[in-house]
Amino acid sequence: MSRIGKRAIAVPSGVTANVEGQTVKIKGPKGALQVALHDDVAVKLDSGQIKIEPRAETKRARAQWAPRAPWWPT
């Protein structure tokens, strides 16, 4: 399992995040970003944090869960 994938993504102050199905929309003072995630992962916004988890323990789901999104913290 990915140790980085287990971390929740904190939404900083001044930035709004919205999760609609598999689409994550983020808007802040420097612009907006929208990313559609694969159906093999579940995404939810919970108390100012974005959490992404694989829906199943398959190789494909774990590969889609890997942190490749441009907004993922390094």
N, C-alpha and C. Protein backbone atom coordinates (compact mmCIF):
# COMPACT_ATOMS: atom_id res chain seq x y z
N MET A 1 0.84 -1.18 0.00
CA MET A 1 0.00 0.00 0.00
C MET A 1 0.88 1.24 0.00
N SER A 2 0.41 2.27 -0.61
CA SER A 2 1.14 3.51 -0.70
C SER A 2 1.05 4.29 0.61
N ARG A 3 2.19 4.62 1.18
CA ARG A 3 2.17 5.42 2.40
C ARG A 3 1.75 6.85 2.09
N ILE A 4 2.12 7.35 0.94
CA ILE A 4 1.70 8.69 0.55
C ILE A 4 0.21 8.70 0.27
N GLY A 5 -0.29 7.65 -0.34
CA GLY A 5 -1.71 7.57 -0.65
C GLY A 5 -2.60 7.54 0.58
N LYS A 6 -2.05 7.08 1.70
CA LYS A 6 -2.83 7.03 2.94
C LYS A 6 -3.03 8.41 3.55
N ARG A 7 -2.18 9.37 3.21
CA ARG A 7 -2.27 10.71 3.78
C ARG A 7 -3.44 11.47 3.19
N ALA A 8 -4.13 12.19 4.04
CA ALA A 8 -5.21 13.07 3.57
C ALA A 8 -4.58 14.36 3.04
N ILE A 9 -5.25 14.99 2.10
CA ILE A 9 -4.78 16.24 1.51
C ILE A 9 -5.48 17.37 2.23
N ALA A 10 -4.73 18.18 2.94
CA ALA A 10 -5.30 19.30 3.68
C ALA A 10 -5.65 20.42 2.72
N VAL A 11 -6.84 21.01 2.91
CA VAL A 11 -7.27 22.15 2.11
C VAL A 11 -6.94 23.41 2.91
N PRO A 12 -5.99 24.24 2.44
CA PRO A 12 -5.59 25.41 3.21
C PRO A 12 -6.67 26.49 3.24
N SER A 13 -6.52 27.43 4.16
CA SER A 13 -7.49 28.53 4.24
C SER A 13 -7.37 29.38 2.97
N GLY A 14 -8.48 29.90 2.53
CA GLY A 14 -8.51 30.69 1.30
C GLY A 14 -8.72 29.84 0.05
N VAL A 15 -8.79 28.55 0.22
CA VAL A 15 -8.99 27.62 -0.89
C VAL A 15 -10.28 26.85 -0.63
N THR A 16 -11.11 26.73 -1.68
CA THR A 16 -12.33 25.95 -1.55
C THR A 16 -12.19 24.69 -2.39
N ALA A 17 -12.66 23.60 -1.82
CA ALA A 17 -12.62 22.31 -2.52
C ALA A 17 -14.03 21.76 -2.56
N ASN A 18 -14.36 21.12 -3.67
CA ASN A 18 -15.68 20.55 -3.85
C ASN A 18 -15.52 19.19 -4.54
N VAL A 19 -16.20 18.19 -4.01
CA VAL A 19 -16.16 16.86 -4.61
C VAL A 19 -17.55 16.53 -5.13
N GLU A 20 -17.65 16.28 -6.42
CA GLU A 20 -18.91 15.91 -7.07
C GLU A 20 -18.69 14.59 -7.79
N GLY A 21 -19.10 13.50 -7.16
CA GLY A 21 -18.86 12.18 -7.76
C GLY A 21 -17.38 11.88 -7.79
N GLN A 22 -16.83 11.70 -8.98
CA GLN A 22 -15.41 11.42 -9.14
C GLN A 22 -14.62 12.67 -9.53
N THR A 23 -15.26 13.83 -9.54
CA THR A 23 -14.60 15.07 -9.93
C THR A 23 -14.29 15.91 -8.70
N VAL A 24 -13.04 16.34 -8.61
CA VAL A 24 -12.61 17.21 -7.52
C VAL A 24 -12.34 18.59 -8.13
N LYS A 25 -12.99 19.62 -7.57
CA LYS A 25 -12.79 20.99 -8.04
C LYS A 25 -12.18 21.79 -6.90
N ILE A 26 -11.09 22.48 -7.21
CA ILE A 26 -10.39 23.28 -6.22
C ILE A 26 -10.24 24.69 -6.78
N LYS A 27 -10.56 25.68 -5.95
CA LYS A 27 -10.47 27.07 -6.37
C LYS A 27 -9.78 27.86 -5.27
N GLY A 28 -8.79 28.66 -5.68
CA GLY A 28 -8.05 29.46 -4.72
C GLY A 28 -7.65 30.79 -5.32
N PRO A 29 -6.84 31.55 -4.61
CA PRO A 29 -6.47 32.88 -5.08
C PRO A 29 -5.61 32.87 -6.34
N LYS A 30 -4.95 31.77 -6.63
CA LYS A 30 -4.09 31.69 -7.81
C LYS A 30 -4.75 31.01 -9.00
N GLY A 31 -6.00 30.60 -8.86
CA GLY A 31 -6.69 29.97 -9.98
C GLY A 31 -7.55 28.80 -9.54
N ALA A 32 -7.99 28.04 -10.52
CA ALA A 32 -8.88 26.90 -10.27
C ALA A 32 -8.32 25.66 -10.94
N LEU A 33 -8.67 24.52 -10.39
CA LEU A 33 -8.22 23.24 -10.91
C LEU A 33 -9.36 22.24 -10.79
N GLN A 34 -9.48 21.41 -11.79
CA GLN A 34 -10.51 20.37 -11.79
C GLN A 34 -9.87 19.09 -12.28
N VAL A 35 -10.09 18.00 -11.55
CA VAL A 35 -9.52 16.72 -11.94
C VAL A 35 -10.59 15.65 -11.76
N ALA A 36 -10.70 14.77 -12.76
CA ALA A 36 -11.63 13.64 -12.70
C ALA A 36 -10.83 12.39 -12.36
N LEU A 37 -11.22 11.74 -11.28
CA LEU A 37 -10.51 10.55 -10.83
C LEU A 37 -11.16 9.29 -11.39
N HIS A 38 -10.39 8.24 -11.46
CA HIS A 38 -10.85 6.96 -12.00
C HIS A 38 -11.90 6.34 -11.08
N ASP A 39 -12.77 5.52 -11.64
CA ASP A 39 -13.83 4.87 -10.86
C ASP A 39 -13.29 3.85 -9.85
N ASP A 40 -12.04 3.44 -9.98
CA ASP A 40 -11.48 2.47 -9.06
C ASP A 40 -11.09 3.08 -7.71
N VAL A 41 -11.16 4.39 -7.58
CA VAL A 41 -10.84 5.04 -6.32
C VAL A 41 -12.06 5.81 -5.81
N ALA A 42 -12.16 5.91 -4.49
CA ALA A 42 -13.24 6.67 -3.85
C ALA A 42 -12.63 7.95 -3.29
N VAL A 43 -13.28 9.06 -3.52
CA VAL A 43 -12.79 10.35 -3.04
C VAL A 43 -13.88 10.99 -2.19
N LYS A 44 -13.47 11.60 -1.08
CA LYS A 44 -14.44 12.31 -0.24
C LYS A 44 -13.76 13.49 0.44
N LEU A 45 -14.56 14.50 0.69
CA LEU A 45 -14.12 15.70 1.39
C LEU A 45 -14.65 15.61 2.81
N ASP A 46 -13.73 15.61 3.77
CA ASP A 46 -14.13 15.40 5.15
C ASP A 46 -13.38 16.37 6.05
N SER A 47 -14.09 17.31 6.64
CA SER A 47 -13.56 18.30 7.58
C SER A 47 -12.28 18.99 7.09
N GLY A 48 -12.35 19.54 5.89
CA GLY A 48 -11.23 20.29 5.35
C GLY A 48 -10.09 19.44 4.81
N GLN A 49 -10.34 18.15 4.59
CA GLN A 49 -9.33 17.27 4.04
C GLN A 49 -9.93 16.42 2.93
N ILE A 50 -9.16 16.20 1.88
CA ILE A 50 -9.59 15.33 0.80
C ILE A 50 -8.96 13.97 1.02
N LYS A 51 -9.78 12.93 1.03
CA LYS A 51 -9.29 11.57 1.25
C LYS A 51 -9.59 10.73 0.01
N ILE A 52 -8.58 10.03 -0.46
CA ILE A 52 -8.71 9.16 -1.62
C ILE A 52 -8.33 7.75 -1.20
N GLU A 53 -9.18 6.79 -1.52
CA GLU A 53 -8.94 5.40 -1.15
C GLU A 53 -9.30 4.49 -2.31
N PRO A 54 -8.60 3.36 -2.45
CA PRO A 54 -9.00 2.41 -3.49
C PRO A 54 -10.31 1.75 -3.12
N ARG A 55 -11.17 1.50 -4.11
CA ARG A 55 -12.45 0.85 -3.84
C ARG A 55 -12.29 -0.64 -3.58
N ALA A 56 -11.26 -1.25 -4.15
CA ALA A 56 -11.01 -2.69 -3.99
C ALA A 56 -9.51 -2.90 -3.85
N GLU A 57 -9.11 -4.06 -3.43
CA GLU A 57 -7.70 -4.38 -3.27
C GLU A 57 -7.15 -5.07 -4.53
N THR A 58 -7.45 -4.50 -5.68
CA THR A 58 -6.92 -5.05 -6.92
C THR A 58 -5.69 -4.26 -7.34
N LYS A 59 -4.90 -4.84 -8.22
CA LYS A 59 -3.70 -4.17 -8.71
C LYS A 59 -4.06 -2.88 -9.45
N ARG A 60 -5.12 -2.94 -10.22
CA ARG A 60 -5.56 -1.77 -10.99
C ARG A 60 -6.02 -0.64 -10.06
N ALA A 61 -6.77 -0.97 -9.02
CA ALA A 61 -7.25 0.06 -8.08
C ALA A 61 -6.08 0.71 -7.34
N ARG A 62 -5.10 -0.10 -6.94
CA ARG A 62 -3.93 0.46 -6.25
C ARG A 62 -3.12 1.35 -7.18
N ALA A 63 -3.05 0.99 -8.46
CA ALA A 63 -2.31 1.81 -9.42
C ALA A 63 -3.00 3.15 -9.64
N GLN A 64 -4.32 3.16 -9.67
CA GLN A 64 -5.06 4.41 -9.84
C GLN A 64 -5.00 5.27 -8.58
N TRP A 65 -4.76 4.65 -7.44
CA TRP A 65 -4.70 5.34 -6.16
C TRP A 65 -3.37 6.07 -5.98
N ALA A 66 -2.36 5.71 -6.76
CA ALA A 66 -1.03 6.30 -6.62
C ALA A 66 -1.09 7.81 -6.82
N PRO A 67 -0.29 8.55 -6.09
CA PRO A 67 -0.33 10.02 -6.18
C PRO A 67 0.28 10.55 -7.47
N ARG A 68 -0.56 10.82 -8.45
CA ARG A 68 -0.10 11.39 -9.71
C ARG A 68 -0.80 12.70 -10.02
N ALA A 69 -1.69 13.11 -9.18
CA ALA A 69 -2.44 14.34 -9.43
C ALA A 69 -1.53 15.55 -9.25
N PRO A 70 -1.70 16.59 -10.06
CA PRO A 70 -0.82 17.77 -9.96
C PRO A 70 -0.99 18.53 -8.65
N TRP A 71 -2.07 18.33 -7.93
CA TRP A 71 -2.29 19.06 -6.68
C TRP A 71 -1.87 18.25 -5.47
N TRP A 72 -1.27 17.06 -5.67
CA TRP A 72 -0.86 16.22 -4.55
C TRP A 72 0.34 16.83 -3.85
N PRO A 73 0.34 16.92 -2.51
CA PRO A 73 1.49 17.52 -1.81
C PRO A 73 2.73 16.64 -1.90
N THR A 74 3.88 17.26 -2.05
CA THR A 74 5.14 16.50 -2.13
C THR A 74 5.93 16.64 -0.86
